[in-house]
Amino acid sequence: MDIIVQTHQVEISGLLRARAERLVRRLGAMLHRPVDAVVRFEQDGDARKVEIVLHAPRRRALVGAARHKSAGLALAEAARRIEAQIIHLKRPASSRRPPASRA
């Protein structure tokens, strides 16, 4: 899986970059044949924004984004959001549908 880490108006440490790559690899292992992922770090004033976009074949892109004062905490929250989407996708389709209302 290809992982692209992008930064916009923010410097990130090598440790944070490695942590982002580890998180994305762990998320990719939960999917069937992940293709690639893009992790974007941005800074807007005091807030840091992290967005993760994960692509897998024949699926829509999974996107998780979060803002926090710390880039590390924003990364963790964005990863949690992607993980929740993956868990939702892995549930059987019958359990994802709302129950039919009886008229």
PDB file of N, CA and C in Angstrom:
ATOM      1  N   MET A   1       0.847  -1.171   0.000  1.00  0.00           N
ATOM      2  CA  MET A   1       0.000   0.000   0.000  1.00  0.00           C
ATOM      3  C   MET A   1       0.891   1.232   0.000  1.00  0.00           C
ATOM      4  N   ASP A   2       0.567   2.171  -0.860  1.00  0.00           N
ATOM      5  CA  ASP A   2       1.291   3.438  -0.910  1.00  0.00           C
ATOM      6  C   ASP A   2       0.696   4.398   0.112  1.00  0.00           C
ATOM      7  N   ILE A   3       1.566   5.046   0.869  1.00  0.00           N
ATOM      8  CA  ILE A   3       1.134   6.032   1.854  1.00  0.00           C
ATOM      9  C   ILE A   3       1.808   7.352   1.524  1.00  0.00           C
ATOM     10  N   ILE A   4       0.995   8.383   1.349  1.00  0.00           N
ATOM     11  CA  ILE A   4       1.506   9.722   1.064  1.00  0.00           C
ATOM     12  C   ILE A   4       1.194  10.597   2.261  1.00  0.00           C
ATOM     13  N   VAL A   5       2.210  11.244   2.804  1.00  0.00           N
ATOM     14  CA  VAL A   5       2.032  12.169   3.920  1.00  0.00           C
ATOM     15  C   VAL A   5       2.286  13.574   3.389  1.00  0.00           C
ATOM     16  N   GLN A   6       1.264  14.426   3.490  1.00  0.00           N
ATOM     17  CA  GLN A   6       1.370  15.801   3.001  1.00  0.00           C
ATOM     18  C   GLN A   6       1.278  16.764   4.182  1.00  0.00           C
ATOM     19  N   THR A   7       2.010  17.863   4.089  1.00  0.00           N
ATOM     20  CA  THR A   7       1.920  18.908   5.112  1.00  0.00           C
ATOM     21  C   THR A   7       1.615  20.231   4.430  1.00  0.00           C
ATOM     22  N   HIS A   8       0.839  21.044   5.116  1.00  0.00           N
ATOM     23  CA  HIS A   8       0.491  22.364   4.587  1.00  0.00           C
ATOM     24  C   HIS A   8       0.598  23.369   5.725  1.00  0.00           C
ATOM     25  N   GLN A   9       1.587  24.228   5.652  1.00  0.00           N
ATOM     26  CA  GLN A   9       1.836  25.283   6.632  1.00  0.00           C
ATOM     27  C   GLN A   9       2.093  24.726   8.034  1.00  0.00           C
ATOM     28  N   VAL A  10       2.670  23.542   8.118  1.00  0.00           N
ATOM     29  CA  VAL A  10       3.002  22.953   9.417  1.00  0.00           C
ATOM     30  C   VAL A  10       4.203  22.027   9.237  1.00  0.00           C
ATOM     31  N   GLU A  11       5.058  22.010  10.215  1.00  0.00           N
ATOM     32  CA  GLU A  11       6.183  21.076  10.241  1.00  0.00           C
ATOM     33  C   GLU A  11       5.814  19.923  11.165  1.00  0.00           C
ATOM     34  N   ILE A  12       6.088  18.687  10.733  1.00  0.00           N
ATOM     35  CA  ILE A  12       5.845  17.537  11.603  1.00  0.00           C
ATOM     36  C   ILE A  12       7.164  16.802  11.806  1.00  0.00           C
ATOM     37  N   SER A  13       7.278  16.175  12.944  1.00  0.00           N
ATOM     38  CA  SER A  13       8.509  15.452  13.262  1.00  0.00           C
ATOM     39  C   SER A  13       8.520  14.107  12.543  1.00  0.00           C
ATOM     40  N   GLY A  14       9.672  13.511  12.487  1.00  0.00           N
ATOM     41  CA  GLY A  14       9.808  12.183  11.907  1.00  0.00           C
ATOM     42  C   GLY A  14       9.029  11.147  12.694  1.00  0.00           C
ATOM     43  N   LEU A  15       8.956  11.336  14.020  1.00  0.00           N
ATOM     44  CA  LEU A  15       8.191  10.409  14.853  1.00  0.00           C
ATOM     45  C   LEU A  15       6.705  10.462  14.525  1.00  0.00           C
ATOM     46  N   LEU A  16       6.174  11.671  14.318  1.00  0.00           N
ATOM     47  CA  LEU A  16       4.757  11.811  13.987  1.00  0.00           C
ATOM     48  C   LEU A  16       4.478  11.235  12.606  1.00  0.00           C
ATOM     49  N   ARG A  17       5.389  11.436  11.679  1.00  0.00           N
ATOM     50  CA  ARG A  17       5.237  10.855  10.334  1.00  0.00           C
ATOM     51  C   ARG A  17       5.227   9.324  10.419  1.00  0.00           C
ATOM     52  N   ALA A  18       6.137   8.752  11.204  1.00  0.00           N
ATOM     53  CA  ALA A  18       6.187   7.296  11.364  1.00  0.00           C
ATOM     54  C   ALA A  18       4.922   6.784  12.045  1.00  0.00           C
ATOM     55  N   ARG A  19       4.427   7.539  13.033  1.00  0.00           N
ATOM     56  CA  ARG A  19       3.197   7.142  13.729  1.00  0.00           C
ATOM     57  C   ARG A  19       2.012   7.147  12.771  1.00  0.00           C
ATOM     58  N   ALA A  20       1.940   8.159  11.907  1.00  0.00           N
ATOM     59  CA  ALA A  20       0.864   8.238  10.915  1.00  0.00           C
ATOM     60  C   ALA A  20       0.921   7.042   9.965  1.00  0.00           C
ATOM     61  N   GLU A  21       2.109   6.692   9.527  1.00  0.00           N
ATOM     62  CA  GLU A  21       2.254   5.557   8.617  1.00  0.00           C
ATOM     63  C   GLU A  21       1.871   4.253   9.298  1.00  0.00           C
ATOM     64  N   ARG A  22       2.255   4.081  10.578  1.00  0.00           N
ATOM     65  CA  ARG A  22       1.871   2.884  11.338  1.00  0.00           C
ATOM     66  C   ARG A  22       0.354   2.778  11.480  1.00  0.00           C
ATOM     67  N   LEU A  23      -0.289   3.900  11.825  1.00  0.00           N
ATOM     68  CA  LEU A  23      -1.748   3.902  11.975  1.00  0.00           C
ATOM     69  C   LEU A  23      -2.440   3.542  10.665  1.00  0.00           C
ATOM     70  N   VAL A  24      -1.966   4.103   9.570  1.00  0.00           N
ATOM     71  CA  VAL A  24      -2.593   3.835   8.275  1.00  0.00           C
ATOM     72  C   VAL A  24      -2.376   2.378   7.872  1.00  0.00           C
ATOM     73  N   ARG A  25      -1.213   1.829   8.137  1.00  0.00           N
ATOM     74  CA  ARG A  25      -0.975   0.404   7.833  1.00  0.00           C
ATOM     75  C   ARG A  25      -1.902  -0.488   8.658  1.00  0.00           C
ATOM     76  N   ARG A  26      -2.117  -0.131   9.923  1.00  0.00           N
ATOM     77  CA  ARG A  26      -3.019  -0.906  10.781  1.00  0.00           C
ATOM     78  C   ARG A  26      -4.447  -0.826  10.246  1.00  0.00           C
ATOM     79  N   LEU A  27      -4.876   0.366   9.830  1.00  0.00           N
ATOM     80  CA  LEU A  27      -6.212   0.525   9.261  1.00  0.00           C
ATOM     81  C   LEU A  27      -6.329  -0.242   7.943  1.00  0.00           C
ATOM     82  N   GLY A  28      -5.282  -0.188   7.139  1.00  0.00           N
ATOM     83  CA  GLY A  28      -5.289  -0.905   5.866  1.00  0.00           C
ATOM     84  C   GLY A  28      -5.376  -2.404   6.044  1.00  0.00           C
ATOM     85  N   ALA A  29      -4.786  -2.913   7.132  1.00  0.00           N
ATOM     86  CA  ALA A  29      -4.851  -4.347   7.405  1.00  0.00           C
ATOM     87  C   ALA A  29      -6.276  -4.791   7.720  1.00  0.00           C
ATOM     88  N   MET A  30      -7.111  -3.868   8.150  1.00  0.00           N
ATOM     89  CA  MET A  30      -8.505  -4.191   8.453  1.00  0.00           C
ATOM     90  C   MET A  30      -9.348  -4.283   7.180  1.00  0.00           C
ATOM     91  N   LEU A  31      -8.866  -3.702   6.086  1.00  0.00           N
ATOM     92  CA  LEU A  31      -9.567  -3.720   4.806  1.00  0.00           C
ATOM     93  C   LEU A  31      -9.016  -4.826   3.925  1.00  0.00           C
ATOM     94  N   HIS A  32      -9.787  -5.201   2.922  1.00  0.00           N
ATOM     95  CA  HIS A  32      -9.324  -6.179   1.946  1.00  0.00           C
ATOM     96  C   HIS A  32      -8.588  -5.449   0.832  1.00  0.00           C
ATOM     97  N   ARG A  33      -7.323  -5.706   0.667  1.00  0.00           N
ATOM     98  CA  ARG A  33      -6.474  -5.144  -0.387  1.00  0.00           C
ATOM     99  C   ARG A  33      -6.519  -3.618  -0.480  1.00  0.00           C
ATOM    100  N   PRO A  34      -6.063  -2.916   0.518  1.00  0.00           N
ATOM    101  CA  PRO A  34      -6.038  -1.451   0.408  1.00  0.00           C
ATOM    102  C   PRO A  34      -5.083  -1.019  -0.703  1.00  0.00           C
ATOM    103  N   VAL A  35      -5.437   0.057  -1.396  1.00  0.00           N
ATOM    104  CA  VAL A  35      -4.632   0.529  -2.527  1.00  0.00           C
ATOM    105  C   VAL A  35      -3.636   1.580  -2.067  1.00  0.00           C
ATOM    106  N   ASP A  36      -4.157   2.679  -1.517  1.00  0.00           N
ATOM    107  CA  ASP A  36      -3.276   3.746  -1.068  1.00  0.00           C
ATOM    108  C   ASP A  36      -3.975   4.582  -0.008  1.00  0.00           C
ATOM    109  N   ALA A  37      -3.197   5.461   0.578  1.00  0.00           N
ATOM    110  CA  ALA A  37      -3.729   6.355   1.604  1.00  0.00           C
ATOM    111  C   ALA A  37      -2.999   7.689   1.517  1.00  0.00           C
ATOM    112  N   VAL A  38      -3.724   8.744   1.854  1.00  0.00           N
ATOM    113  CA  VAL A  38      -3.152  10.084   1.913  1.00  0.00           C
ATOM    114  C   VAL A  38      -3.435  10.628   3.307  1.00  0.00           C
ATOM    115  N   VAL A  39      -2.384  11.096   3.966  1.00  0.00           N
ATOM    116  CA  VAL A  39      -2.530  11.713   5.287  1.00  0.00           C
ATOM    117  C   VAL A  39      -2.104  13.166   5.129  1.00  0.00           C
ATOM    118  N   ARG A  40      -3.016  14.092   5.419  1.00  0.00           N
ATOM    119  CA  ARG A  40      -2.733  15.528   5.275  1.00  0.00           C
ATOM    120  C   ARG A  40      -2.701  16.186   6.643  1.00  0.00           C
ATOM    121  N   PHE A  41      -1.619  16.886   6.906  1.00  0.00           N
ATOM    122  CA  PHE A  41      -1.480  17.680   8.122  1.00  0.00           C
ATOM    123  C   PHE A  41      -1.568  19.142   7.718  1.00  0.00           C
ATOM    124  N   GLU A  42      -2.449  19.894   8.372  1.00  0.00           N
ATOM    125  CA  GLU A  42      -2.595  21.321   8.080  1.00  0.00           C
ATOM    126  C   GLU A  42      -2.596  22.097   9.386  1.00  0.00           C
ATOM    127  N   GLN A  43      -2.233  23.365   9.287  1.00  0.00           N
ATOM    128  CA  GLN A  43      -2.289  24.243  10.447  1.00  0.00           C
ATOM    129  C   GLN A  43      -3.105  25.461  10.067  1.00  0.00           C
ATOM    130  N   ASP A  44      -4.061  25.803  10.934  1.00  0.00           N
ATOM    131  CA  ASP A  44      -4.884  26.987  10.734  1.00  0.00           C
ATOM    132  C   ASP A  44      -4.941  27.721  12.065  1.00  0.00           C
ATOM    133  N   GLY A  45      -4.068  28.704  12.235  1.00  0.00           N
ATOM    134  CA  GLY A  45      -3.980  29.392  13.526  1.00  0.00           C
ATOM    135  C   GLY A  45      -3.402  28.448  14.565  1.00  0.00           C
ATOM    136  N   ASP A  46      -4.110  28.298  15.682  1.00  0.00           N
ATOM    137  CA  ASP A  46      -3.654  27.383  16.727  1.00  0.00           C
ATOM    138  C   ASP A  46      -4.069  25.939  16.471  1.00  0.00           C
ATOM    139  N   ALA A  47      -5.050  25.737  15.621  1.00  0.00           N
ATOM    140  CA  ALA A  47      -5.597  24.390  15.400  1.00  0.00           C
ATOM    141  C   ALA A  47      -4.787  23.634  14.350  1.00  0.00           C
ATOM    142  N   ARG A  48      -4.640  22.346  14.602  1.00  0.00           N
ATOM    143  CA  ARG A  48      -4.023  21.445  13.633  1.00  0.00           C
ATOM    144  C   ARG A  48      -5.128  20.554  13.090  1.00  0.00           C
ATOM    145  N   LYS A  49      -5.147  20.366  11.789  1.00  0.00           N
ATOM    146  CA  LYS A  49      -6.140  19.508  11.161  1.00  0.00           C
ATOM    147  C   LYS A  49      -5.424  18.333  10.525  1.00  0.00           C
ATOM    148  N   VAL A  50      -5.965  17.153  10.726  1.00  0.00           N
ATOM    149  CA  VAL A  50      -5.433  15.949  10.090  1.00  0.00           C
ATOM    150  C   VAL A  50      -6.580  15.293   9.334  1.00  0.00           C
ATOM    151  N   GLU A  51      -6.307  14.929   8.089  1.00  0.00           N
ATOM    152  CA  GLU A  51      -7.293  14.234   7.266  1.00  0.00           C
ATOM    153  C   GLU A  51      -6.640  12.979   6.705  1.00  0.00           C
ATOM    154  N   ILE A  52      -7.316  11.865   6.849  1.00  0.00           N
ATOM    155  CA  ILE A  52      -6.841  10.588   6.304  1.00  0.00           C
ATOM    156  C   ILE A  52      -7.841  10.144   5.244  1.00  0.00           C
ATOM    157  N   VAL A  53      -7.341   9.824   4.059  1.00  0.00           N
ATOM    158  CA  VAL A  53      -8.177   9.295   2.974  1.00  0.00           C
ATOM    159  C   VAL A  53      -7.600   7.931   2.610  1.00  0.00           C
ATOM    160  N   LEU A  54      -8.412   6.891   2.746  1.00  0.00           N
ATOM    161  CA  LEU A  54      -7.980   5.515   2.518  1.00  0.00           C
ATOM    162  C   LEU A  54      -8.775   4.944   1.352  1.00  0.00           C
ATOM    163  N   HIS A  55      -8.065   4.420   0.345  1.00  0.00           N
ATOM    164  CA  HIS A  55      -8.711   3.869  -0.851  1.00  0.00           C
ATOM    165  C   HIS A  55      -8.543   2.353  -0.883  1.00  0.00           C
ATOM    166  N   ALA A  56      -9.628   1.662  -1.241  1.00  0.00           N
ATOM    167  CA  ALA A  56      -9.609   0.212  -1.450  1.00  0.00           C
ATOM    168  C   ALA A  56     -10.370  -0.057  -2.747  1.00  0.00           C
ATOM    169  N   PRO A  57     -10.059  -1.156  -3.438  1.00  0.00           N
ATOM    170  CA  PRO A  57     -10.724  -1.433  -4.707  1.00  0.00           C
ATOM    171  C   PRO A  57     -12.232  -1.597  -4.539  1.00  0.00           C
ATOM    172  N   ARG A  58     -12.975  -1.100  -5.500  1.00  0.00           N
ATOM    173  CA  ARG A  58     -14.432  -1.220  -5.561  1.00  0.00           C
ATOM    174  C   ARG A  58     -15.153  -0.699  -4.325  1.00  0.00           C
ATOM    175  N   ARG A  59     -14.553   0.234  -3.631  1.00  0.00           N
ATOM    176  CA  ARG A  59     -15.191   0.862  -2.468  1.00  0.00           C
ATOM    177  C   ARG A  59     -15.033   2.364  -2.589  1.00  0.00           C
ATOM    178  N   ARG A  60     -15.911   3.057  -1.932  1.00  0.00           N
ATOM    179  CA  ARG A  60     -15.748   4.502  -1.866  1.00  0.00           C
ATOM    180  C   ARG A  60     -14.575   4.801  -0.940  1.00  0.00           C
ATOM    181  N   ALA A  61     -13.995   5.942  -1.100  1.00  0.00           N
ATOM    182  CA  ALA A  61     -12.871   6.325  -0.245  1.00  0.00           C
ATOM    183  C   ALA A  61     -13.370   6.540   1.175  1.00  0.00           C
ATOM    184  N   LEU A  62     -12.607   6.063   2.133  1.00  0.00           N
ATOM    185  CA  LEU A  62     -12.920   6.277   3.543  1.00  0.00           C
ATOM    186  C   LEU A  62     -12.164   7.522   3.984  1.00  0.00           C
ATOM    187  N   VAL A  63     -12.876   8.471   4.576  1.00  0.00           N
ATOM    188  CA  VAL A  63     -12.276   9.741   4.955  1.00  0.00           C
ATOM    189  C   VAL A  63     -12.531   9.990   6.434  1.00  0.00           C
ATOM    190  N   GLY A  64     -11.462  10.319   7.135  1.00  0.00           N
ATOM    191  CA  GLY A  64     -11.571  10.707   8.537  1.00  0.00           C
ATOM    192  C   GLY A  64     -10.787  11.982   8.751  1.00  0.00           C
ATOM    193  N   ALA A  65     -11.412  12.974   9.375  1.00  0.00           N
ATOM    194  CA  ALA A  65     -10.738  14.245   9.621  1.00  0.00           C
ATOM    195  C   ALA A  65     -11.004  14.680  11.053  1.00  0.00           C
ATOM    196  N   ALA A  66     -10.041  15.414  11.611  1.00  0.00           N
ATOM    197  CA  ALA A  66     -10.195  15.910  12.971  1.00  0.00           C
ATOM    198  C   ALA A  66      -9.339  17.152  13.154  1.00  0.00           C
ATOM    199  N   ARG A  67      -9.774  18.028  14.076  1.00  0.00           N
ATOM    200  CA  ARG A  67      -9.020  19.237  14.456  1.00  0.00           C
ATOM    201  C   ARG A  67      -8.724  19.173  15.936  1.00  0.00           C
ATOM    202  N   HIS A  68      -7.532  19.627  16.286  1.00  0.00           N
ATOM    203  CA  HIS A  68      -7.139  19.695  17.696  1.00  0.00           C
ATOM    204  C   HIS A  68      -5.947  20.629  17.800  1.00  0.00           C
ATOM    205  N   LYS A  69      -5.639  21.035  19.015  1.00  0.00           N
ATOM    206  CA  LYS A  69      -4.444  21.874  19.196  1.00  0.00           C
ATOM    207  C   LYS A  69      -3.176  21.082  18.951  1.00  0.00           C
ATOM    208  N   SER A  70      -3.231  19.773  19.169  1.00  0.00           N
ATOM    209  CA  SER A  70      -2.082  18.898  18.968  1.00  0.00           C
ATOM    210  C   SER A  70      -2.298  18.056  17.713  1.00  0.00           C
ATOM    211  N   ALA A  71      -1.292  17.987  16.856  1.00  0.00           N
ATOM    212  CA  ALA A  71      -1.395  17.183  15.640  1.00  0.00           C
ATOM    213  C   ALA A  71      -1.507  15.697  15.971  1.00  0.00           C
ATOM    214  N   GLY A  72      -0.846  15.263  17.036  1.00  0.00           N
ATOM    215  CA  GLY A  72      -0.917  13.858  17.431  1.00  0.00           C
ATOM    216  C   GLY A  72      -2.316  13.445  17.846  1.00  0.00           C
ATOM    217  N   LEU A  73      -2.989  14.293  18.607  1.00  0.00           N
ATOM    218  CA  LEU A  73      -4.358  13.983  19.025  1.00  0.00           C
ATOM    219  C   LEU A  73      -5.328  14.055  17.851  1.00  0.00           C
ATOM    220  N   ALA A  74      -5.110  14.988  16.943  1.00  0.00           N
ATOM    221  CA  ALA A  74      -5.946  15.061  15.750  1.00  0.00           C
ATOM    222  C   ALA A  74      -5.757  13.819  14.883  1.00  0.00           C
ATOM    223  N   LEU A  75      -4.526  13.329  14.783  1.00  0.00           N
ATOM    224  CA  LEU A  75      -4.245  12.105  14.030  1.00  0.00           C
ATOM    225  C   LEU A  75      -4.980  10.915  14.644  1.00  0.00           C
ATOM    226  N   ALA A  76      -4.932  10.785  15.957  1.00  0.00           N
ATOM    227  CA  ALA A  76      -5.594   9.672  16.642  1.00  0.00           C
ATOM    228  C   ALA A  76      -7.108   9.718  16.423  1.00  0.00           C
ATOM    229  N   GLU A  77      -7.695  10.896  16.502  1.00  0.00           N
ATOM    230  CA  GLU A  77      -9.147  11.029  16.303  1.00  0.00           C
ATOM    231  C   GLU A  77      -9.535  10.707  14.865  1.00  0.00           C
ATOM    232  N   ALA A  78      -8.764  11.172  13.895  1.00  0.00           N
ATOM    233  CA  ALA A  78      -9.047  10.866  12.487  1.00  0.00           C
ATOM    234  C   ALA A  78      -8.959   9.361  12.237  1.00  0.00           C
ATOM    235  N   ALA A  79      -7.984   8.703  12.852  1.00  0.00           N
ATOM    236  CA  ALA A  79      -7.842   7.254  12.711  1.00  0.00           C
ATOM    237  C   ALA A  79      -9.038   6.531  13.335  1.00  0.00           C
ATOM    238  N   ARG A  80      -9.522   7.010  14.491  1.00  0.00           N
ATOM    239  CA  ARG A  80     -10.706   6.403  15.123  1.00  0.00           C
ATOM    240  C   ARG A  80     -11.925   6.509  14.212  1.00  0.00           C
ATOM    241  N   ARG A  81     -12.046   7.626  13.519  1.00  0.00           N
ATOM    242  CA  ARG A  81     -13.186   7.801  12.620  1.00  0.00           C
ATOM    243  C   ARG A  81     -13.123   6.856  11.429  1.00  0.00           C
ATOM    244  N   ILE A  82     -11.940   6.652  10.884  1.00  0.00           N
ATOM    245  CA  ILE A  82     -11.777   5.690   9.784  1.00  0.00           C
ATOM    246  C   ILE A  82     -12.079   4.278  10.288  1.00  0.00           C
ATOM    247  N   GLU A  83     -11.561   3.940  11.464  1.00  0.00           N
ATOM    248  CA  GLU A  83     -11.794   2.605  12.022  1.00  0.00           C
ATOM    249  C   GLU A  83     -13.288   2.350  12.213  1.00  0.00           C
ATOM    250  N   ALA A  84     -14.036   3.345  12.670  1.00  0.00           N
ATOM    251  CA  ALA A  84     -15.482   3.192  12.834  1.00  0.00           C
ATOM    252  C   ALA A  84     -16.156   2.920  11.482  1.00  0.00           C
ATOM    253  N   GLN A  85     -15.689   3.570  10.430  1.00  0.00           N
ATOM    254  CA  GLN A  85     -16.247   3.338   9.100  1.00  0.00           C
ATOM    255  C   GLN A  85     -15.948   1.916   8.620  1.00  0.00           C
ATOM    256  N   ILE A  86     -14.736   1.446   8.881  1.00  0.00           N
ATOM    257  CA  ILE A  86     -14.359   0.095   8.465  1.00  0.00           C
ATOM    258  C   ILE A  86     -15.209  -0.931   9.205  1.00  0.00           C
ATOM    259  N   ILE A  87     -15.395  -0.752  10.499  1.00  0.00           N
ATOM    260  CA  ILE A  87     -16.224  -1.671  11.284  1.00  0.00           C
ATOM    261  C   ILE A  87     -17.654  -1.664  10.748  1.00  0.00           C
ATOM    262  N   HIS A  88     -18.165  -0.490  10.420  1.00  0.00           N
ATOM    263  CA  HIS A  88     -19.516  -0.389   9.863  1.00  0.00           C
ATOM    264  C   HIS A  88     -19.616  -1.149   8.539  1.00  0.00           C
ATOM    265  N   LEU A  89     -18.601  -1.026   7.677  1.00  0.00           N
ATOM    266  CA  LEU A  89     -18.624  -1.706   6.385  1.00  0.00           C
ATOM    267  C   LEU A  89     -18.534  -3.218   6.524  1.00  0.00           C
ATOM    268  N   LYS A  90     -17.881  -3.694   7.568  1.00  0.00           N
ATOM    269  CA  LYS A  90     -17.691  -5.132   7.732  1.00  0.00           C
ATOM    270  C   LYS A  90     -18.913  -5.829   8.318  1.00  0.00           C
ATOM    271  N   ARG A  91     -19.844  -5.053   8.874  1.00  0.00           N
ATOM    272  CA  ARG A  91     -21.064  -5.668   9.395  1.00  0.00           C
ATOM    273  C   ARG A  91     -21.891  -6.200   8.243  1.00  0.00           C
ATOM    274  N   PRO A  92     -22.654  -7.258   8.470  1.00  0.00           N
ATOM    275  CA  PRO A  92     -23.514  -7.763   7.400  1.00  0.00           C
ATOM    276  C   PRO A  92     -24.514  -6.696   6.971  1.00  0.00           C
ATOM    277  N   ALA A  93     -24.849  -6.706   5.689  1.00  0.00           N
ATOM    278  CA  ALA A  93     -25.748  -5.686   5.150  1.00  0.00           C
ATOM    279  C   ALA A  93     -27.100  -5.709   5.845  1.00  0.00           C
ATOM    280  N   SER A  94     -27.563  -6.860   6.256  1.00  0.00           N
ATOM    281  CA  SER A  94     -28.876  -6.947   6.895  1.00  0.00           C
ATOM    282  C   SER A  94     -28.907  -6.217   8.236  1.00  0.00           C
ATOM    283  N   SER A  95     -27.784  -6.167   8.923  1.00  0.00           N
ATOM    284  CA  SER A  95     -27.770  -5.480  10.222  1.00  0.00           C
ATOM    285  C   SER A  95     -27.549  -3.982  10.066  1.00  0.00           C
ATOM    286  N   ARG A  96     -27.174  -3.521   8.860  1.00  0.00           N
ATOM    287  CA  ARG A  96     -26.957  -2.095   8.642  1.00  0.00           C
ATOM    288  C   ARG A  96     -28.238  -1.370   8.258  1.00  0.00           C
ATOM    289  N   ARG A  97     -29.213  -2.109   7.743  1.00  0.00           N
ATOM    290  CA  ARG A  97     -30.450  -1.486   7.304  1.00  0.00           C
ATOM    291  C   ARG A  97     -31.352  -1.204   8.503  1.00  0.00           C
ATOM    292  N   PRO A  98     -32.056  -0.079   8.464  1.00  0.00           N
ATOM    293  CA  PRO A  98     -33.010   0.171   9.544  1.00  0.00           C
ATOM    294  C   PRO A  98     -34.179  -0.797   9.422  1.00  0.00           C
ATOM    295  N   PRO A  99     -34.813  -1.160  10.520  1.00  0.00           N
ATOM    296  CA  PRO A  99     -35.944  -2.087  10.433  1.00  0.00           C
ATOM    297  C   PRO A  99     -37.091  -1.469   9.637  1.00  0.00           C
ATOM    298  N   ALA A 100     -37.768  -2.306   8.897  1.00  0.00           N
ATOM    299  CA  ALA A 100     -38.881  -1.843   8.078  1.00  0.00           C
ATOM    300  C   ALA A 100     -40.056  -1.495   8.976  1.00  0.00           C
ATOM    301  N   SER A 101     -40.682  -0.365   8.692  1.00  0.00           N
ATOM    302  CA  SER A 101     -41.835   0.037   9.502  1.00  0.00           C
ATOM    303  C   SER A 101     -43.087  -0.664   8.959  1.00  0.00           C
ATOM    304  N   ARG A 102     -43.932  -1.063   9.870  1.00  0.00           N
ATOM    305  CA  ARG A 102     -45.162  -1.748   9.460  1.00  0.00           C
ATOM    306  C   ARG A 102     -46.307  -0.749   9.453  1.00  0.00           C
ATOM    307  N   ALA A 103     -47.002  -0.714   8.357  1.00  0.00           N
ATOM    308  CA  ALA A 103     -48.103   0.250   8.239  1.00  0.00           C
ATOM    309  C   ALA A 103     -49.448  -0.390   8.458  1.00  0.00           C
TER     310      ALA A 103
END
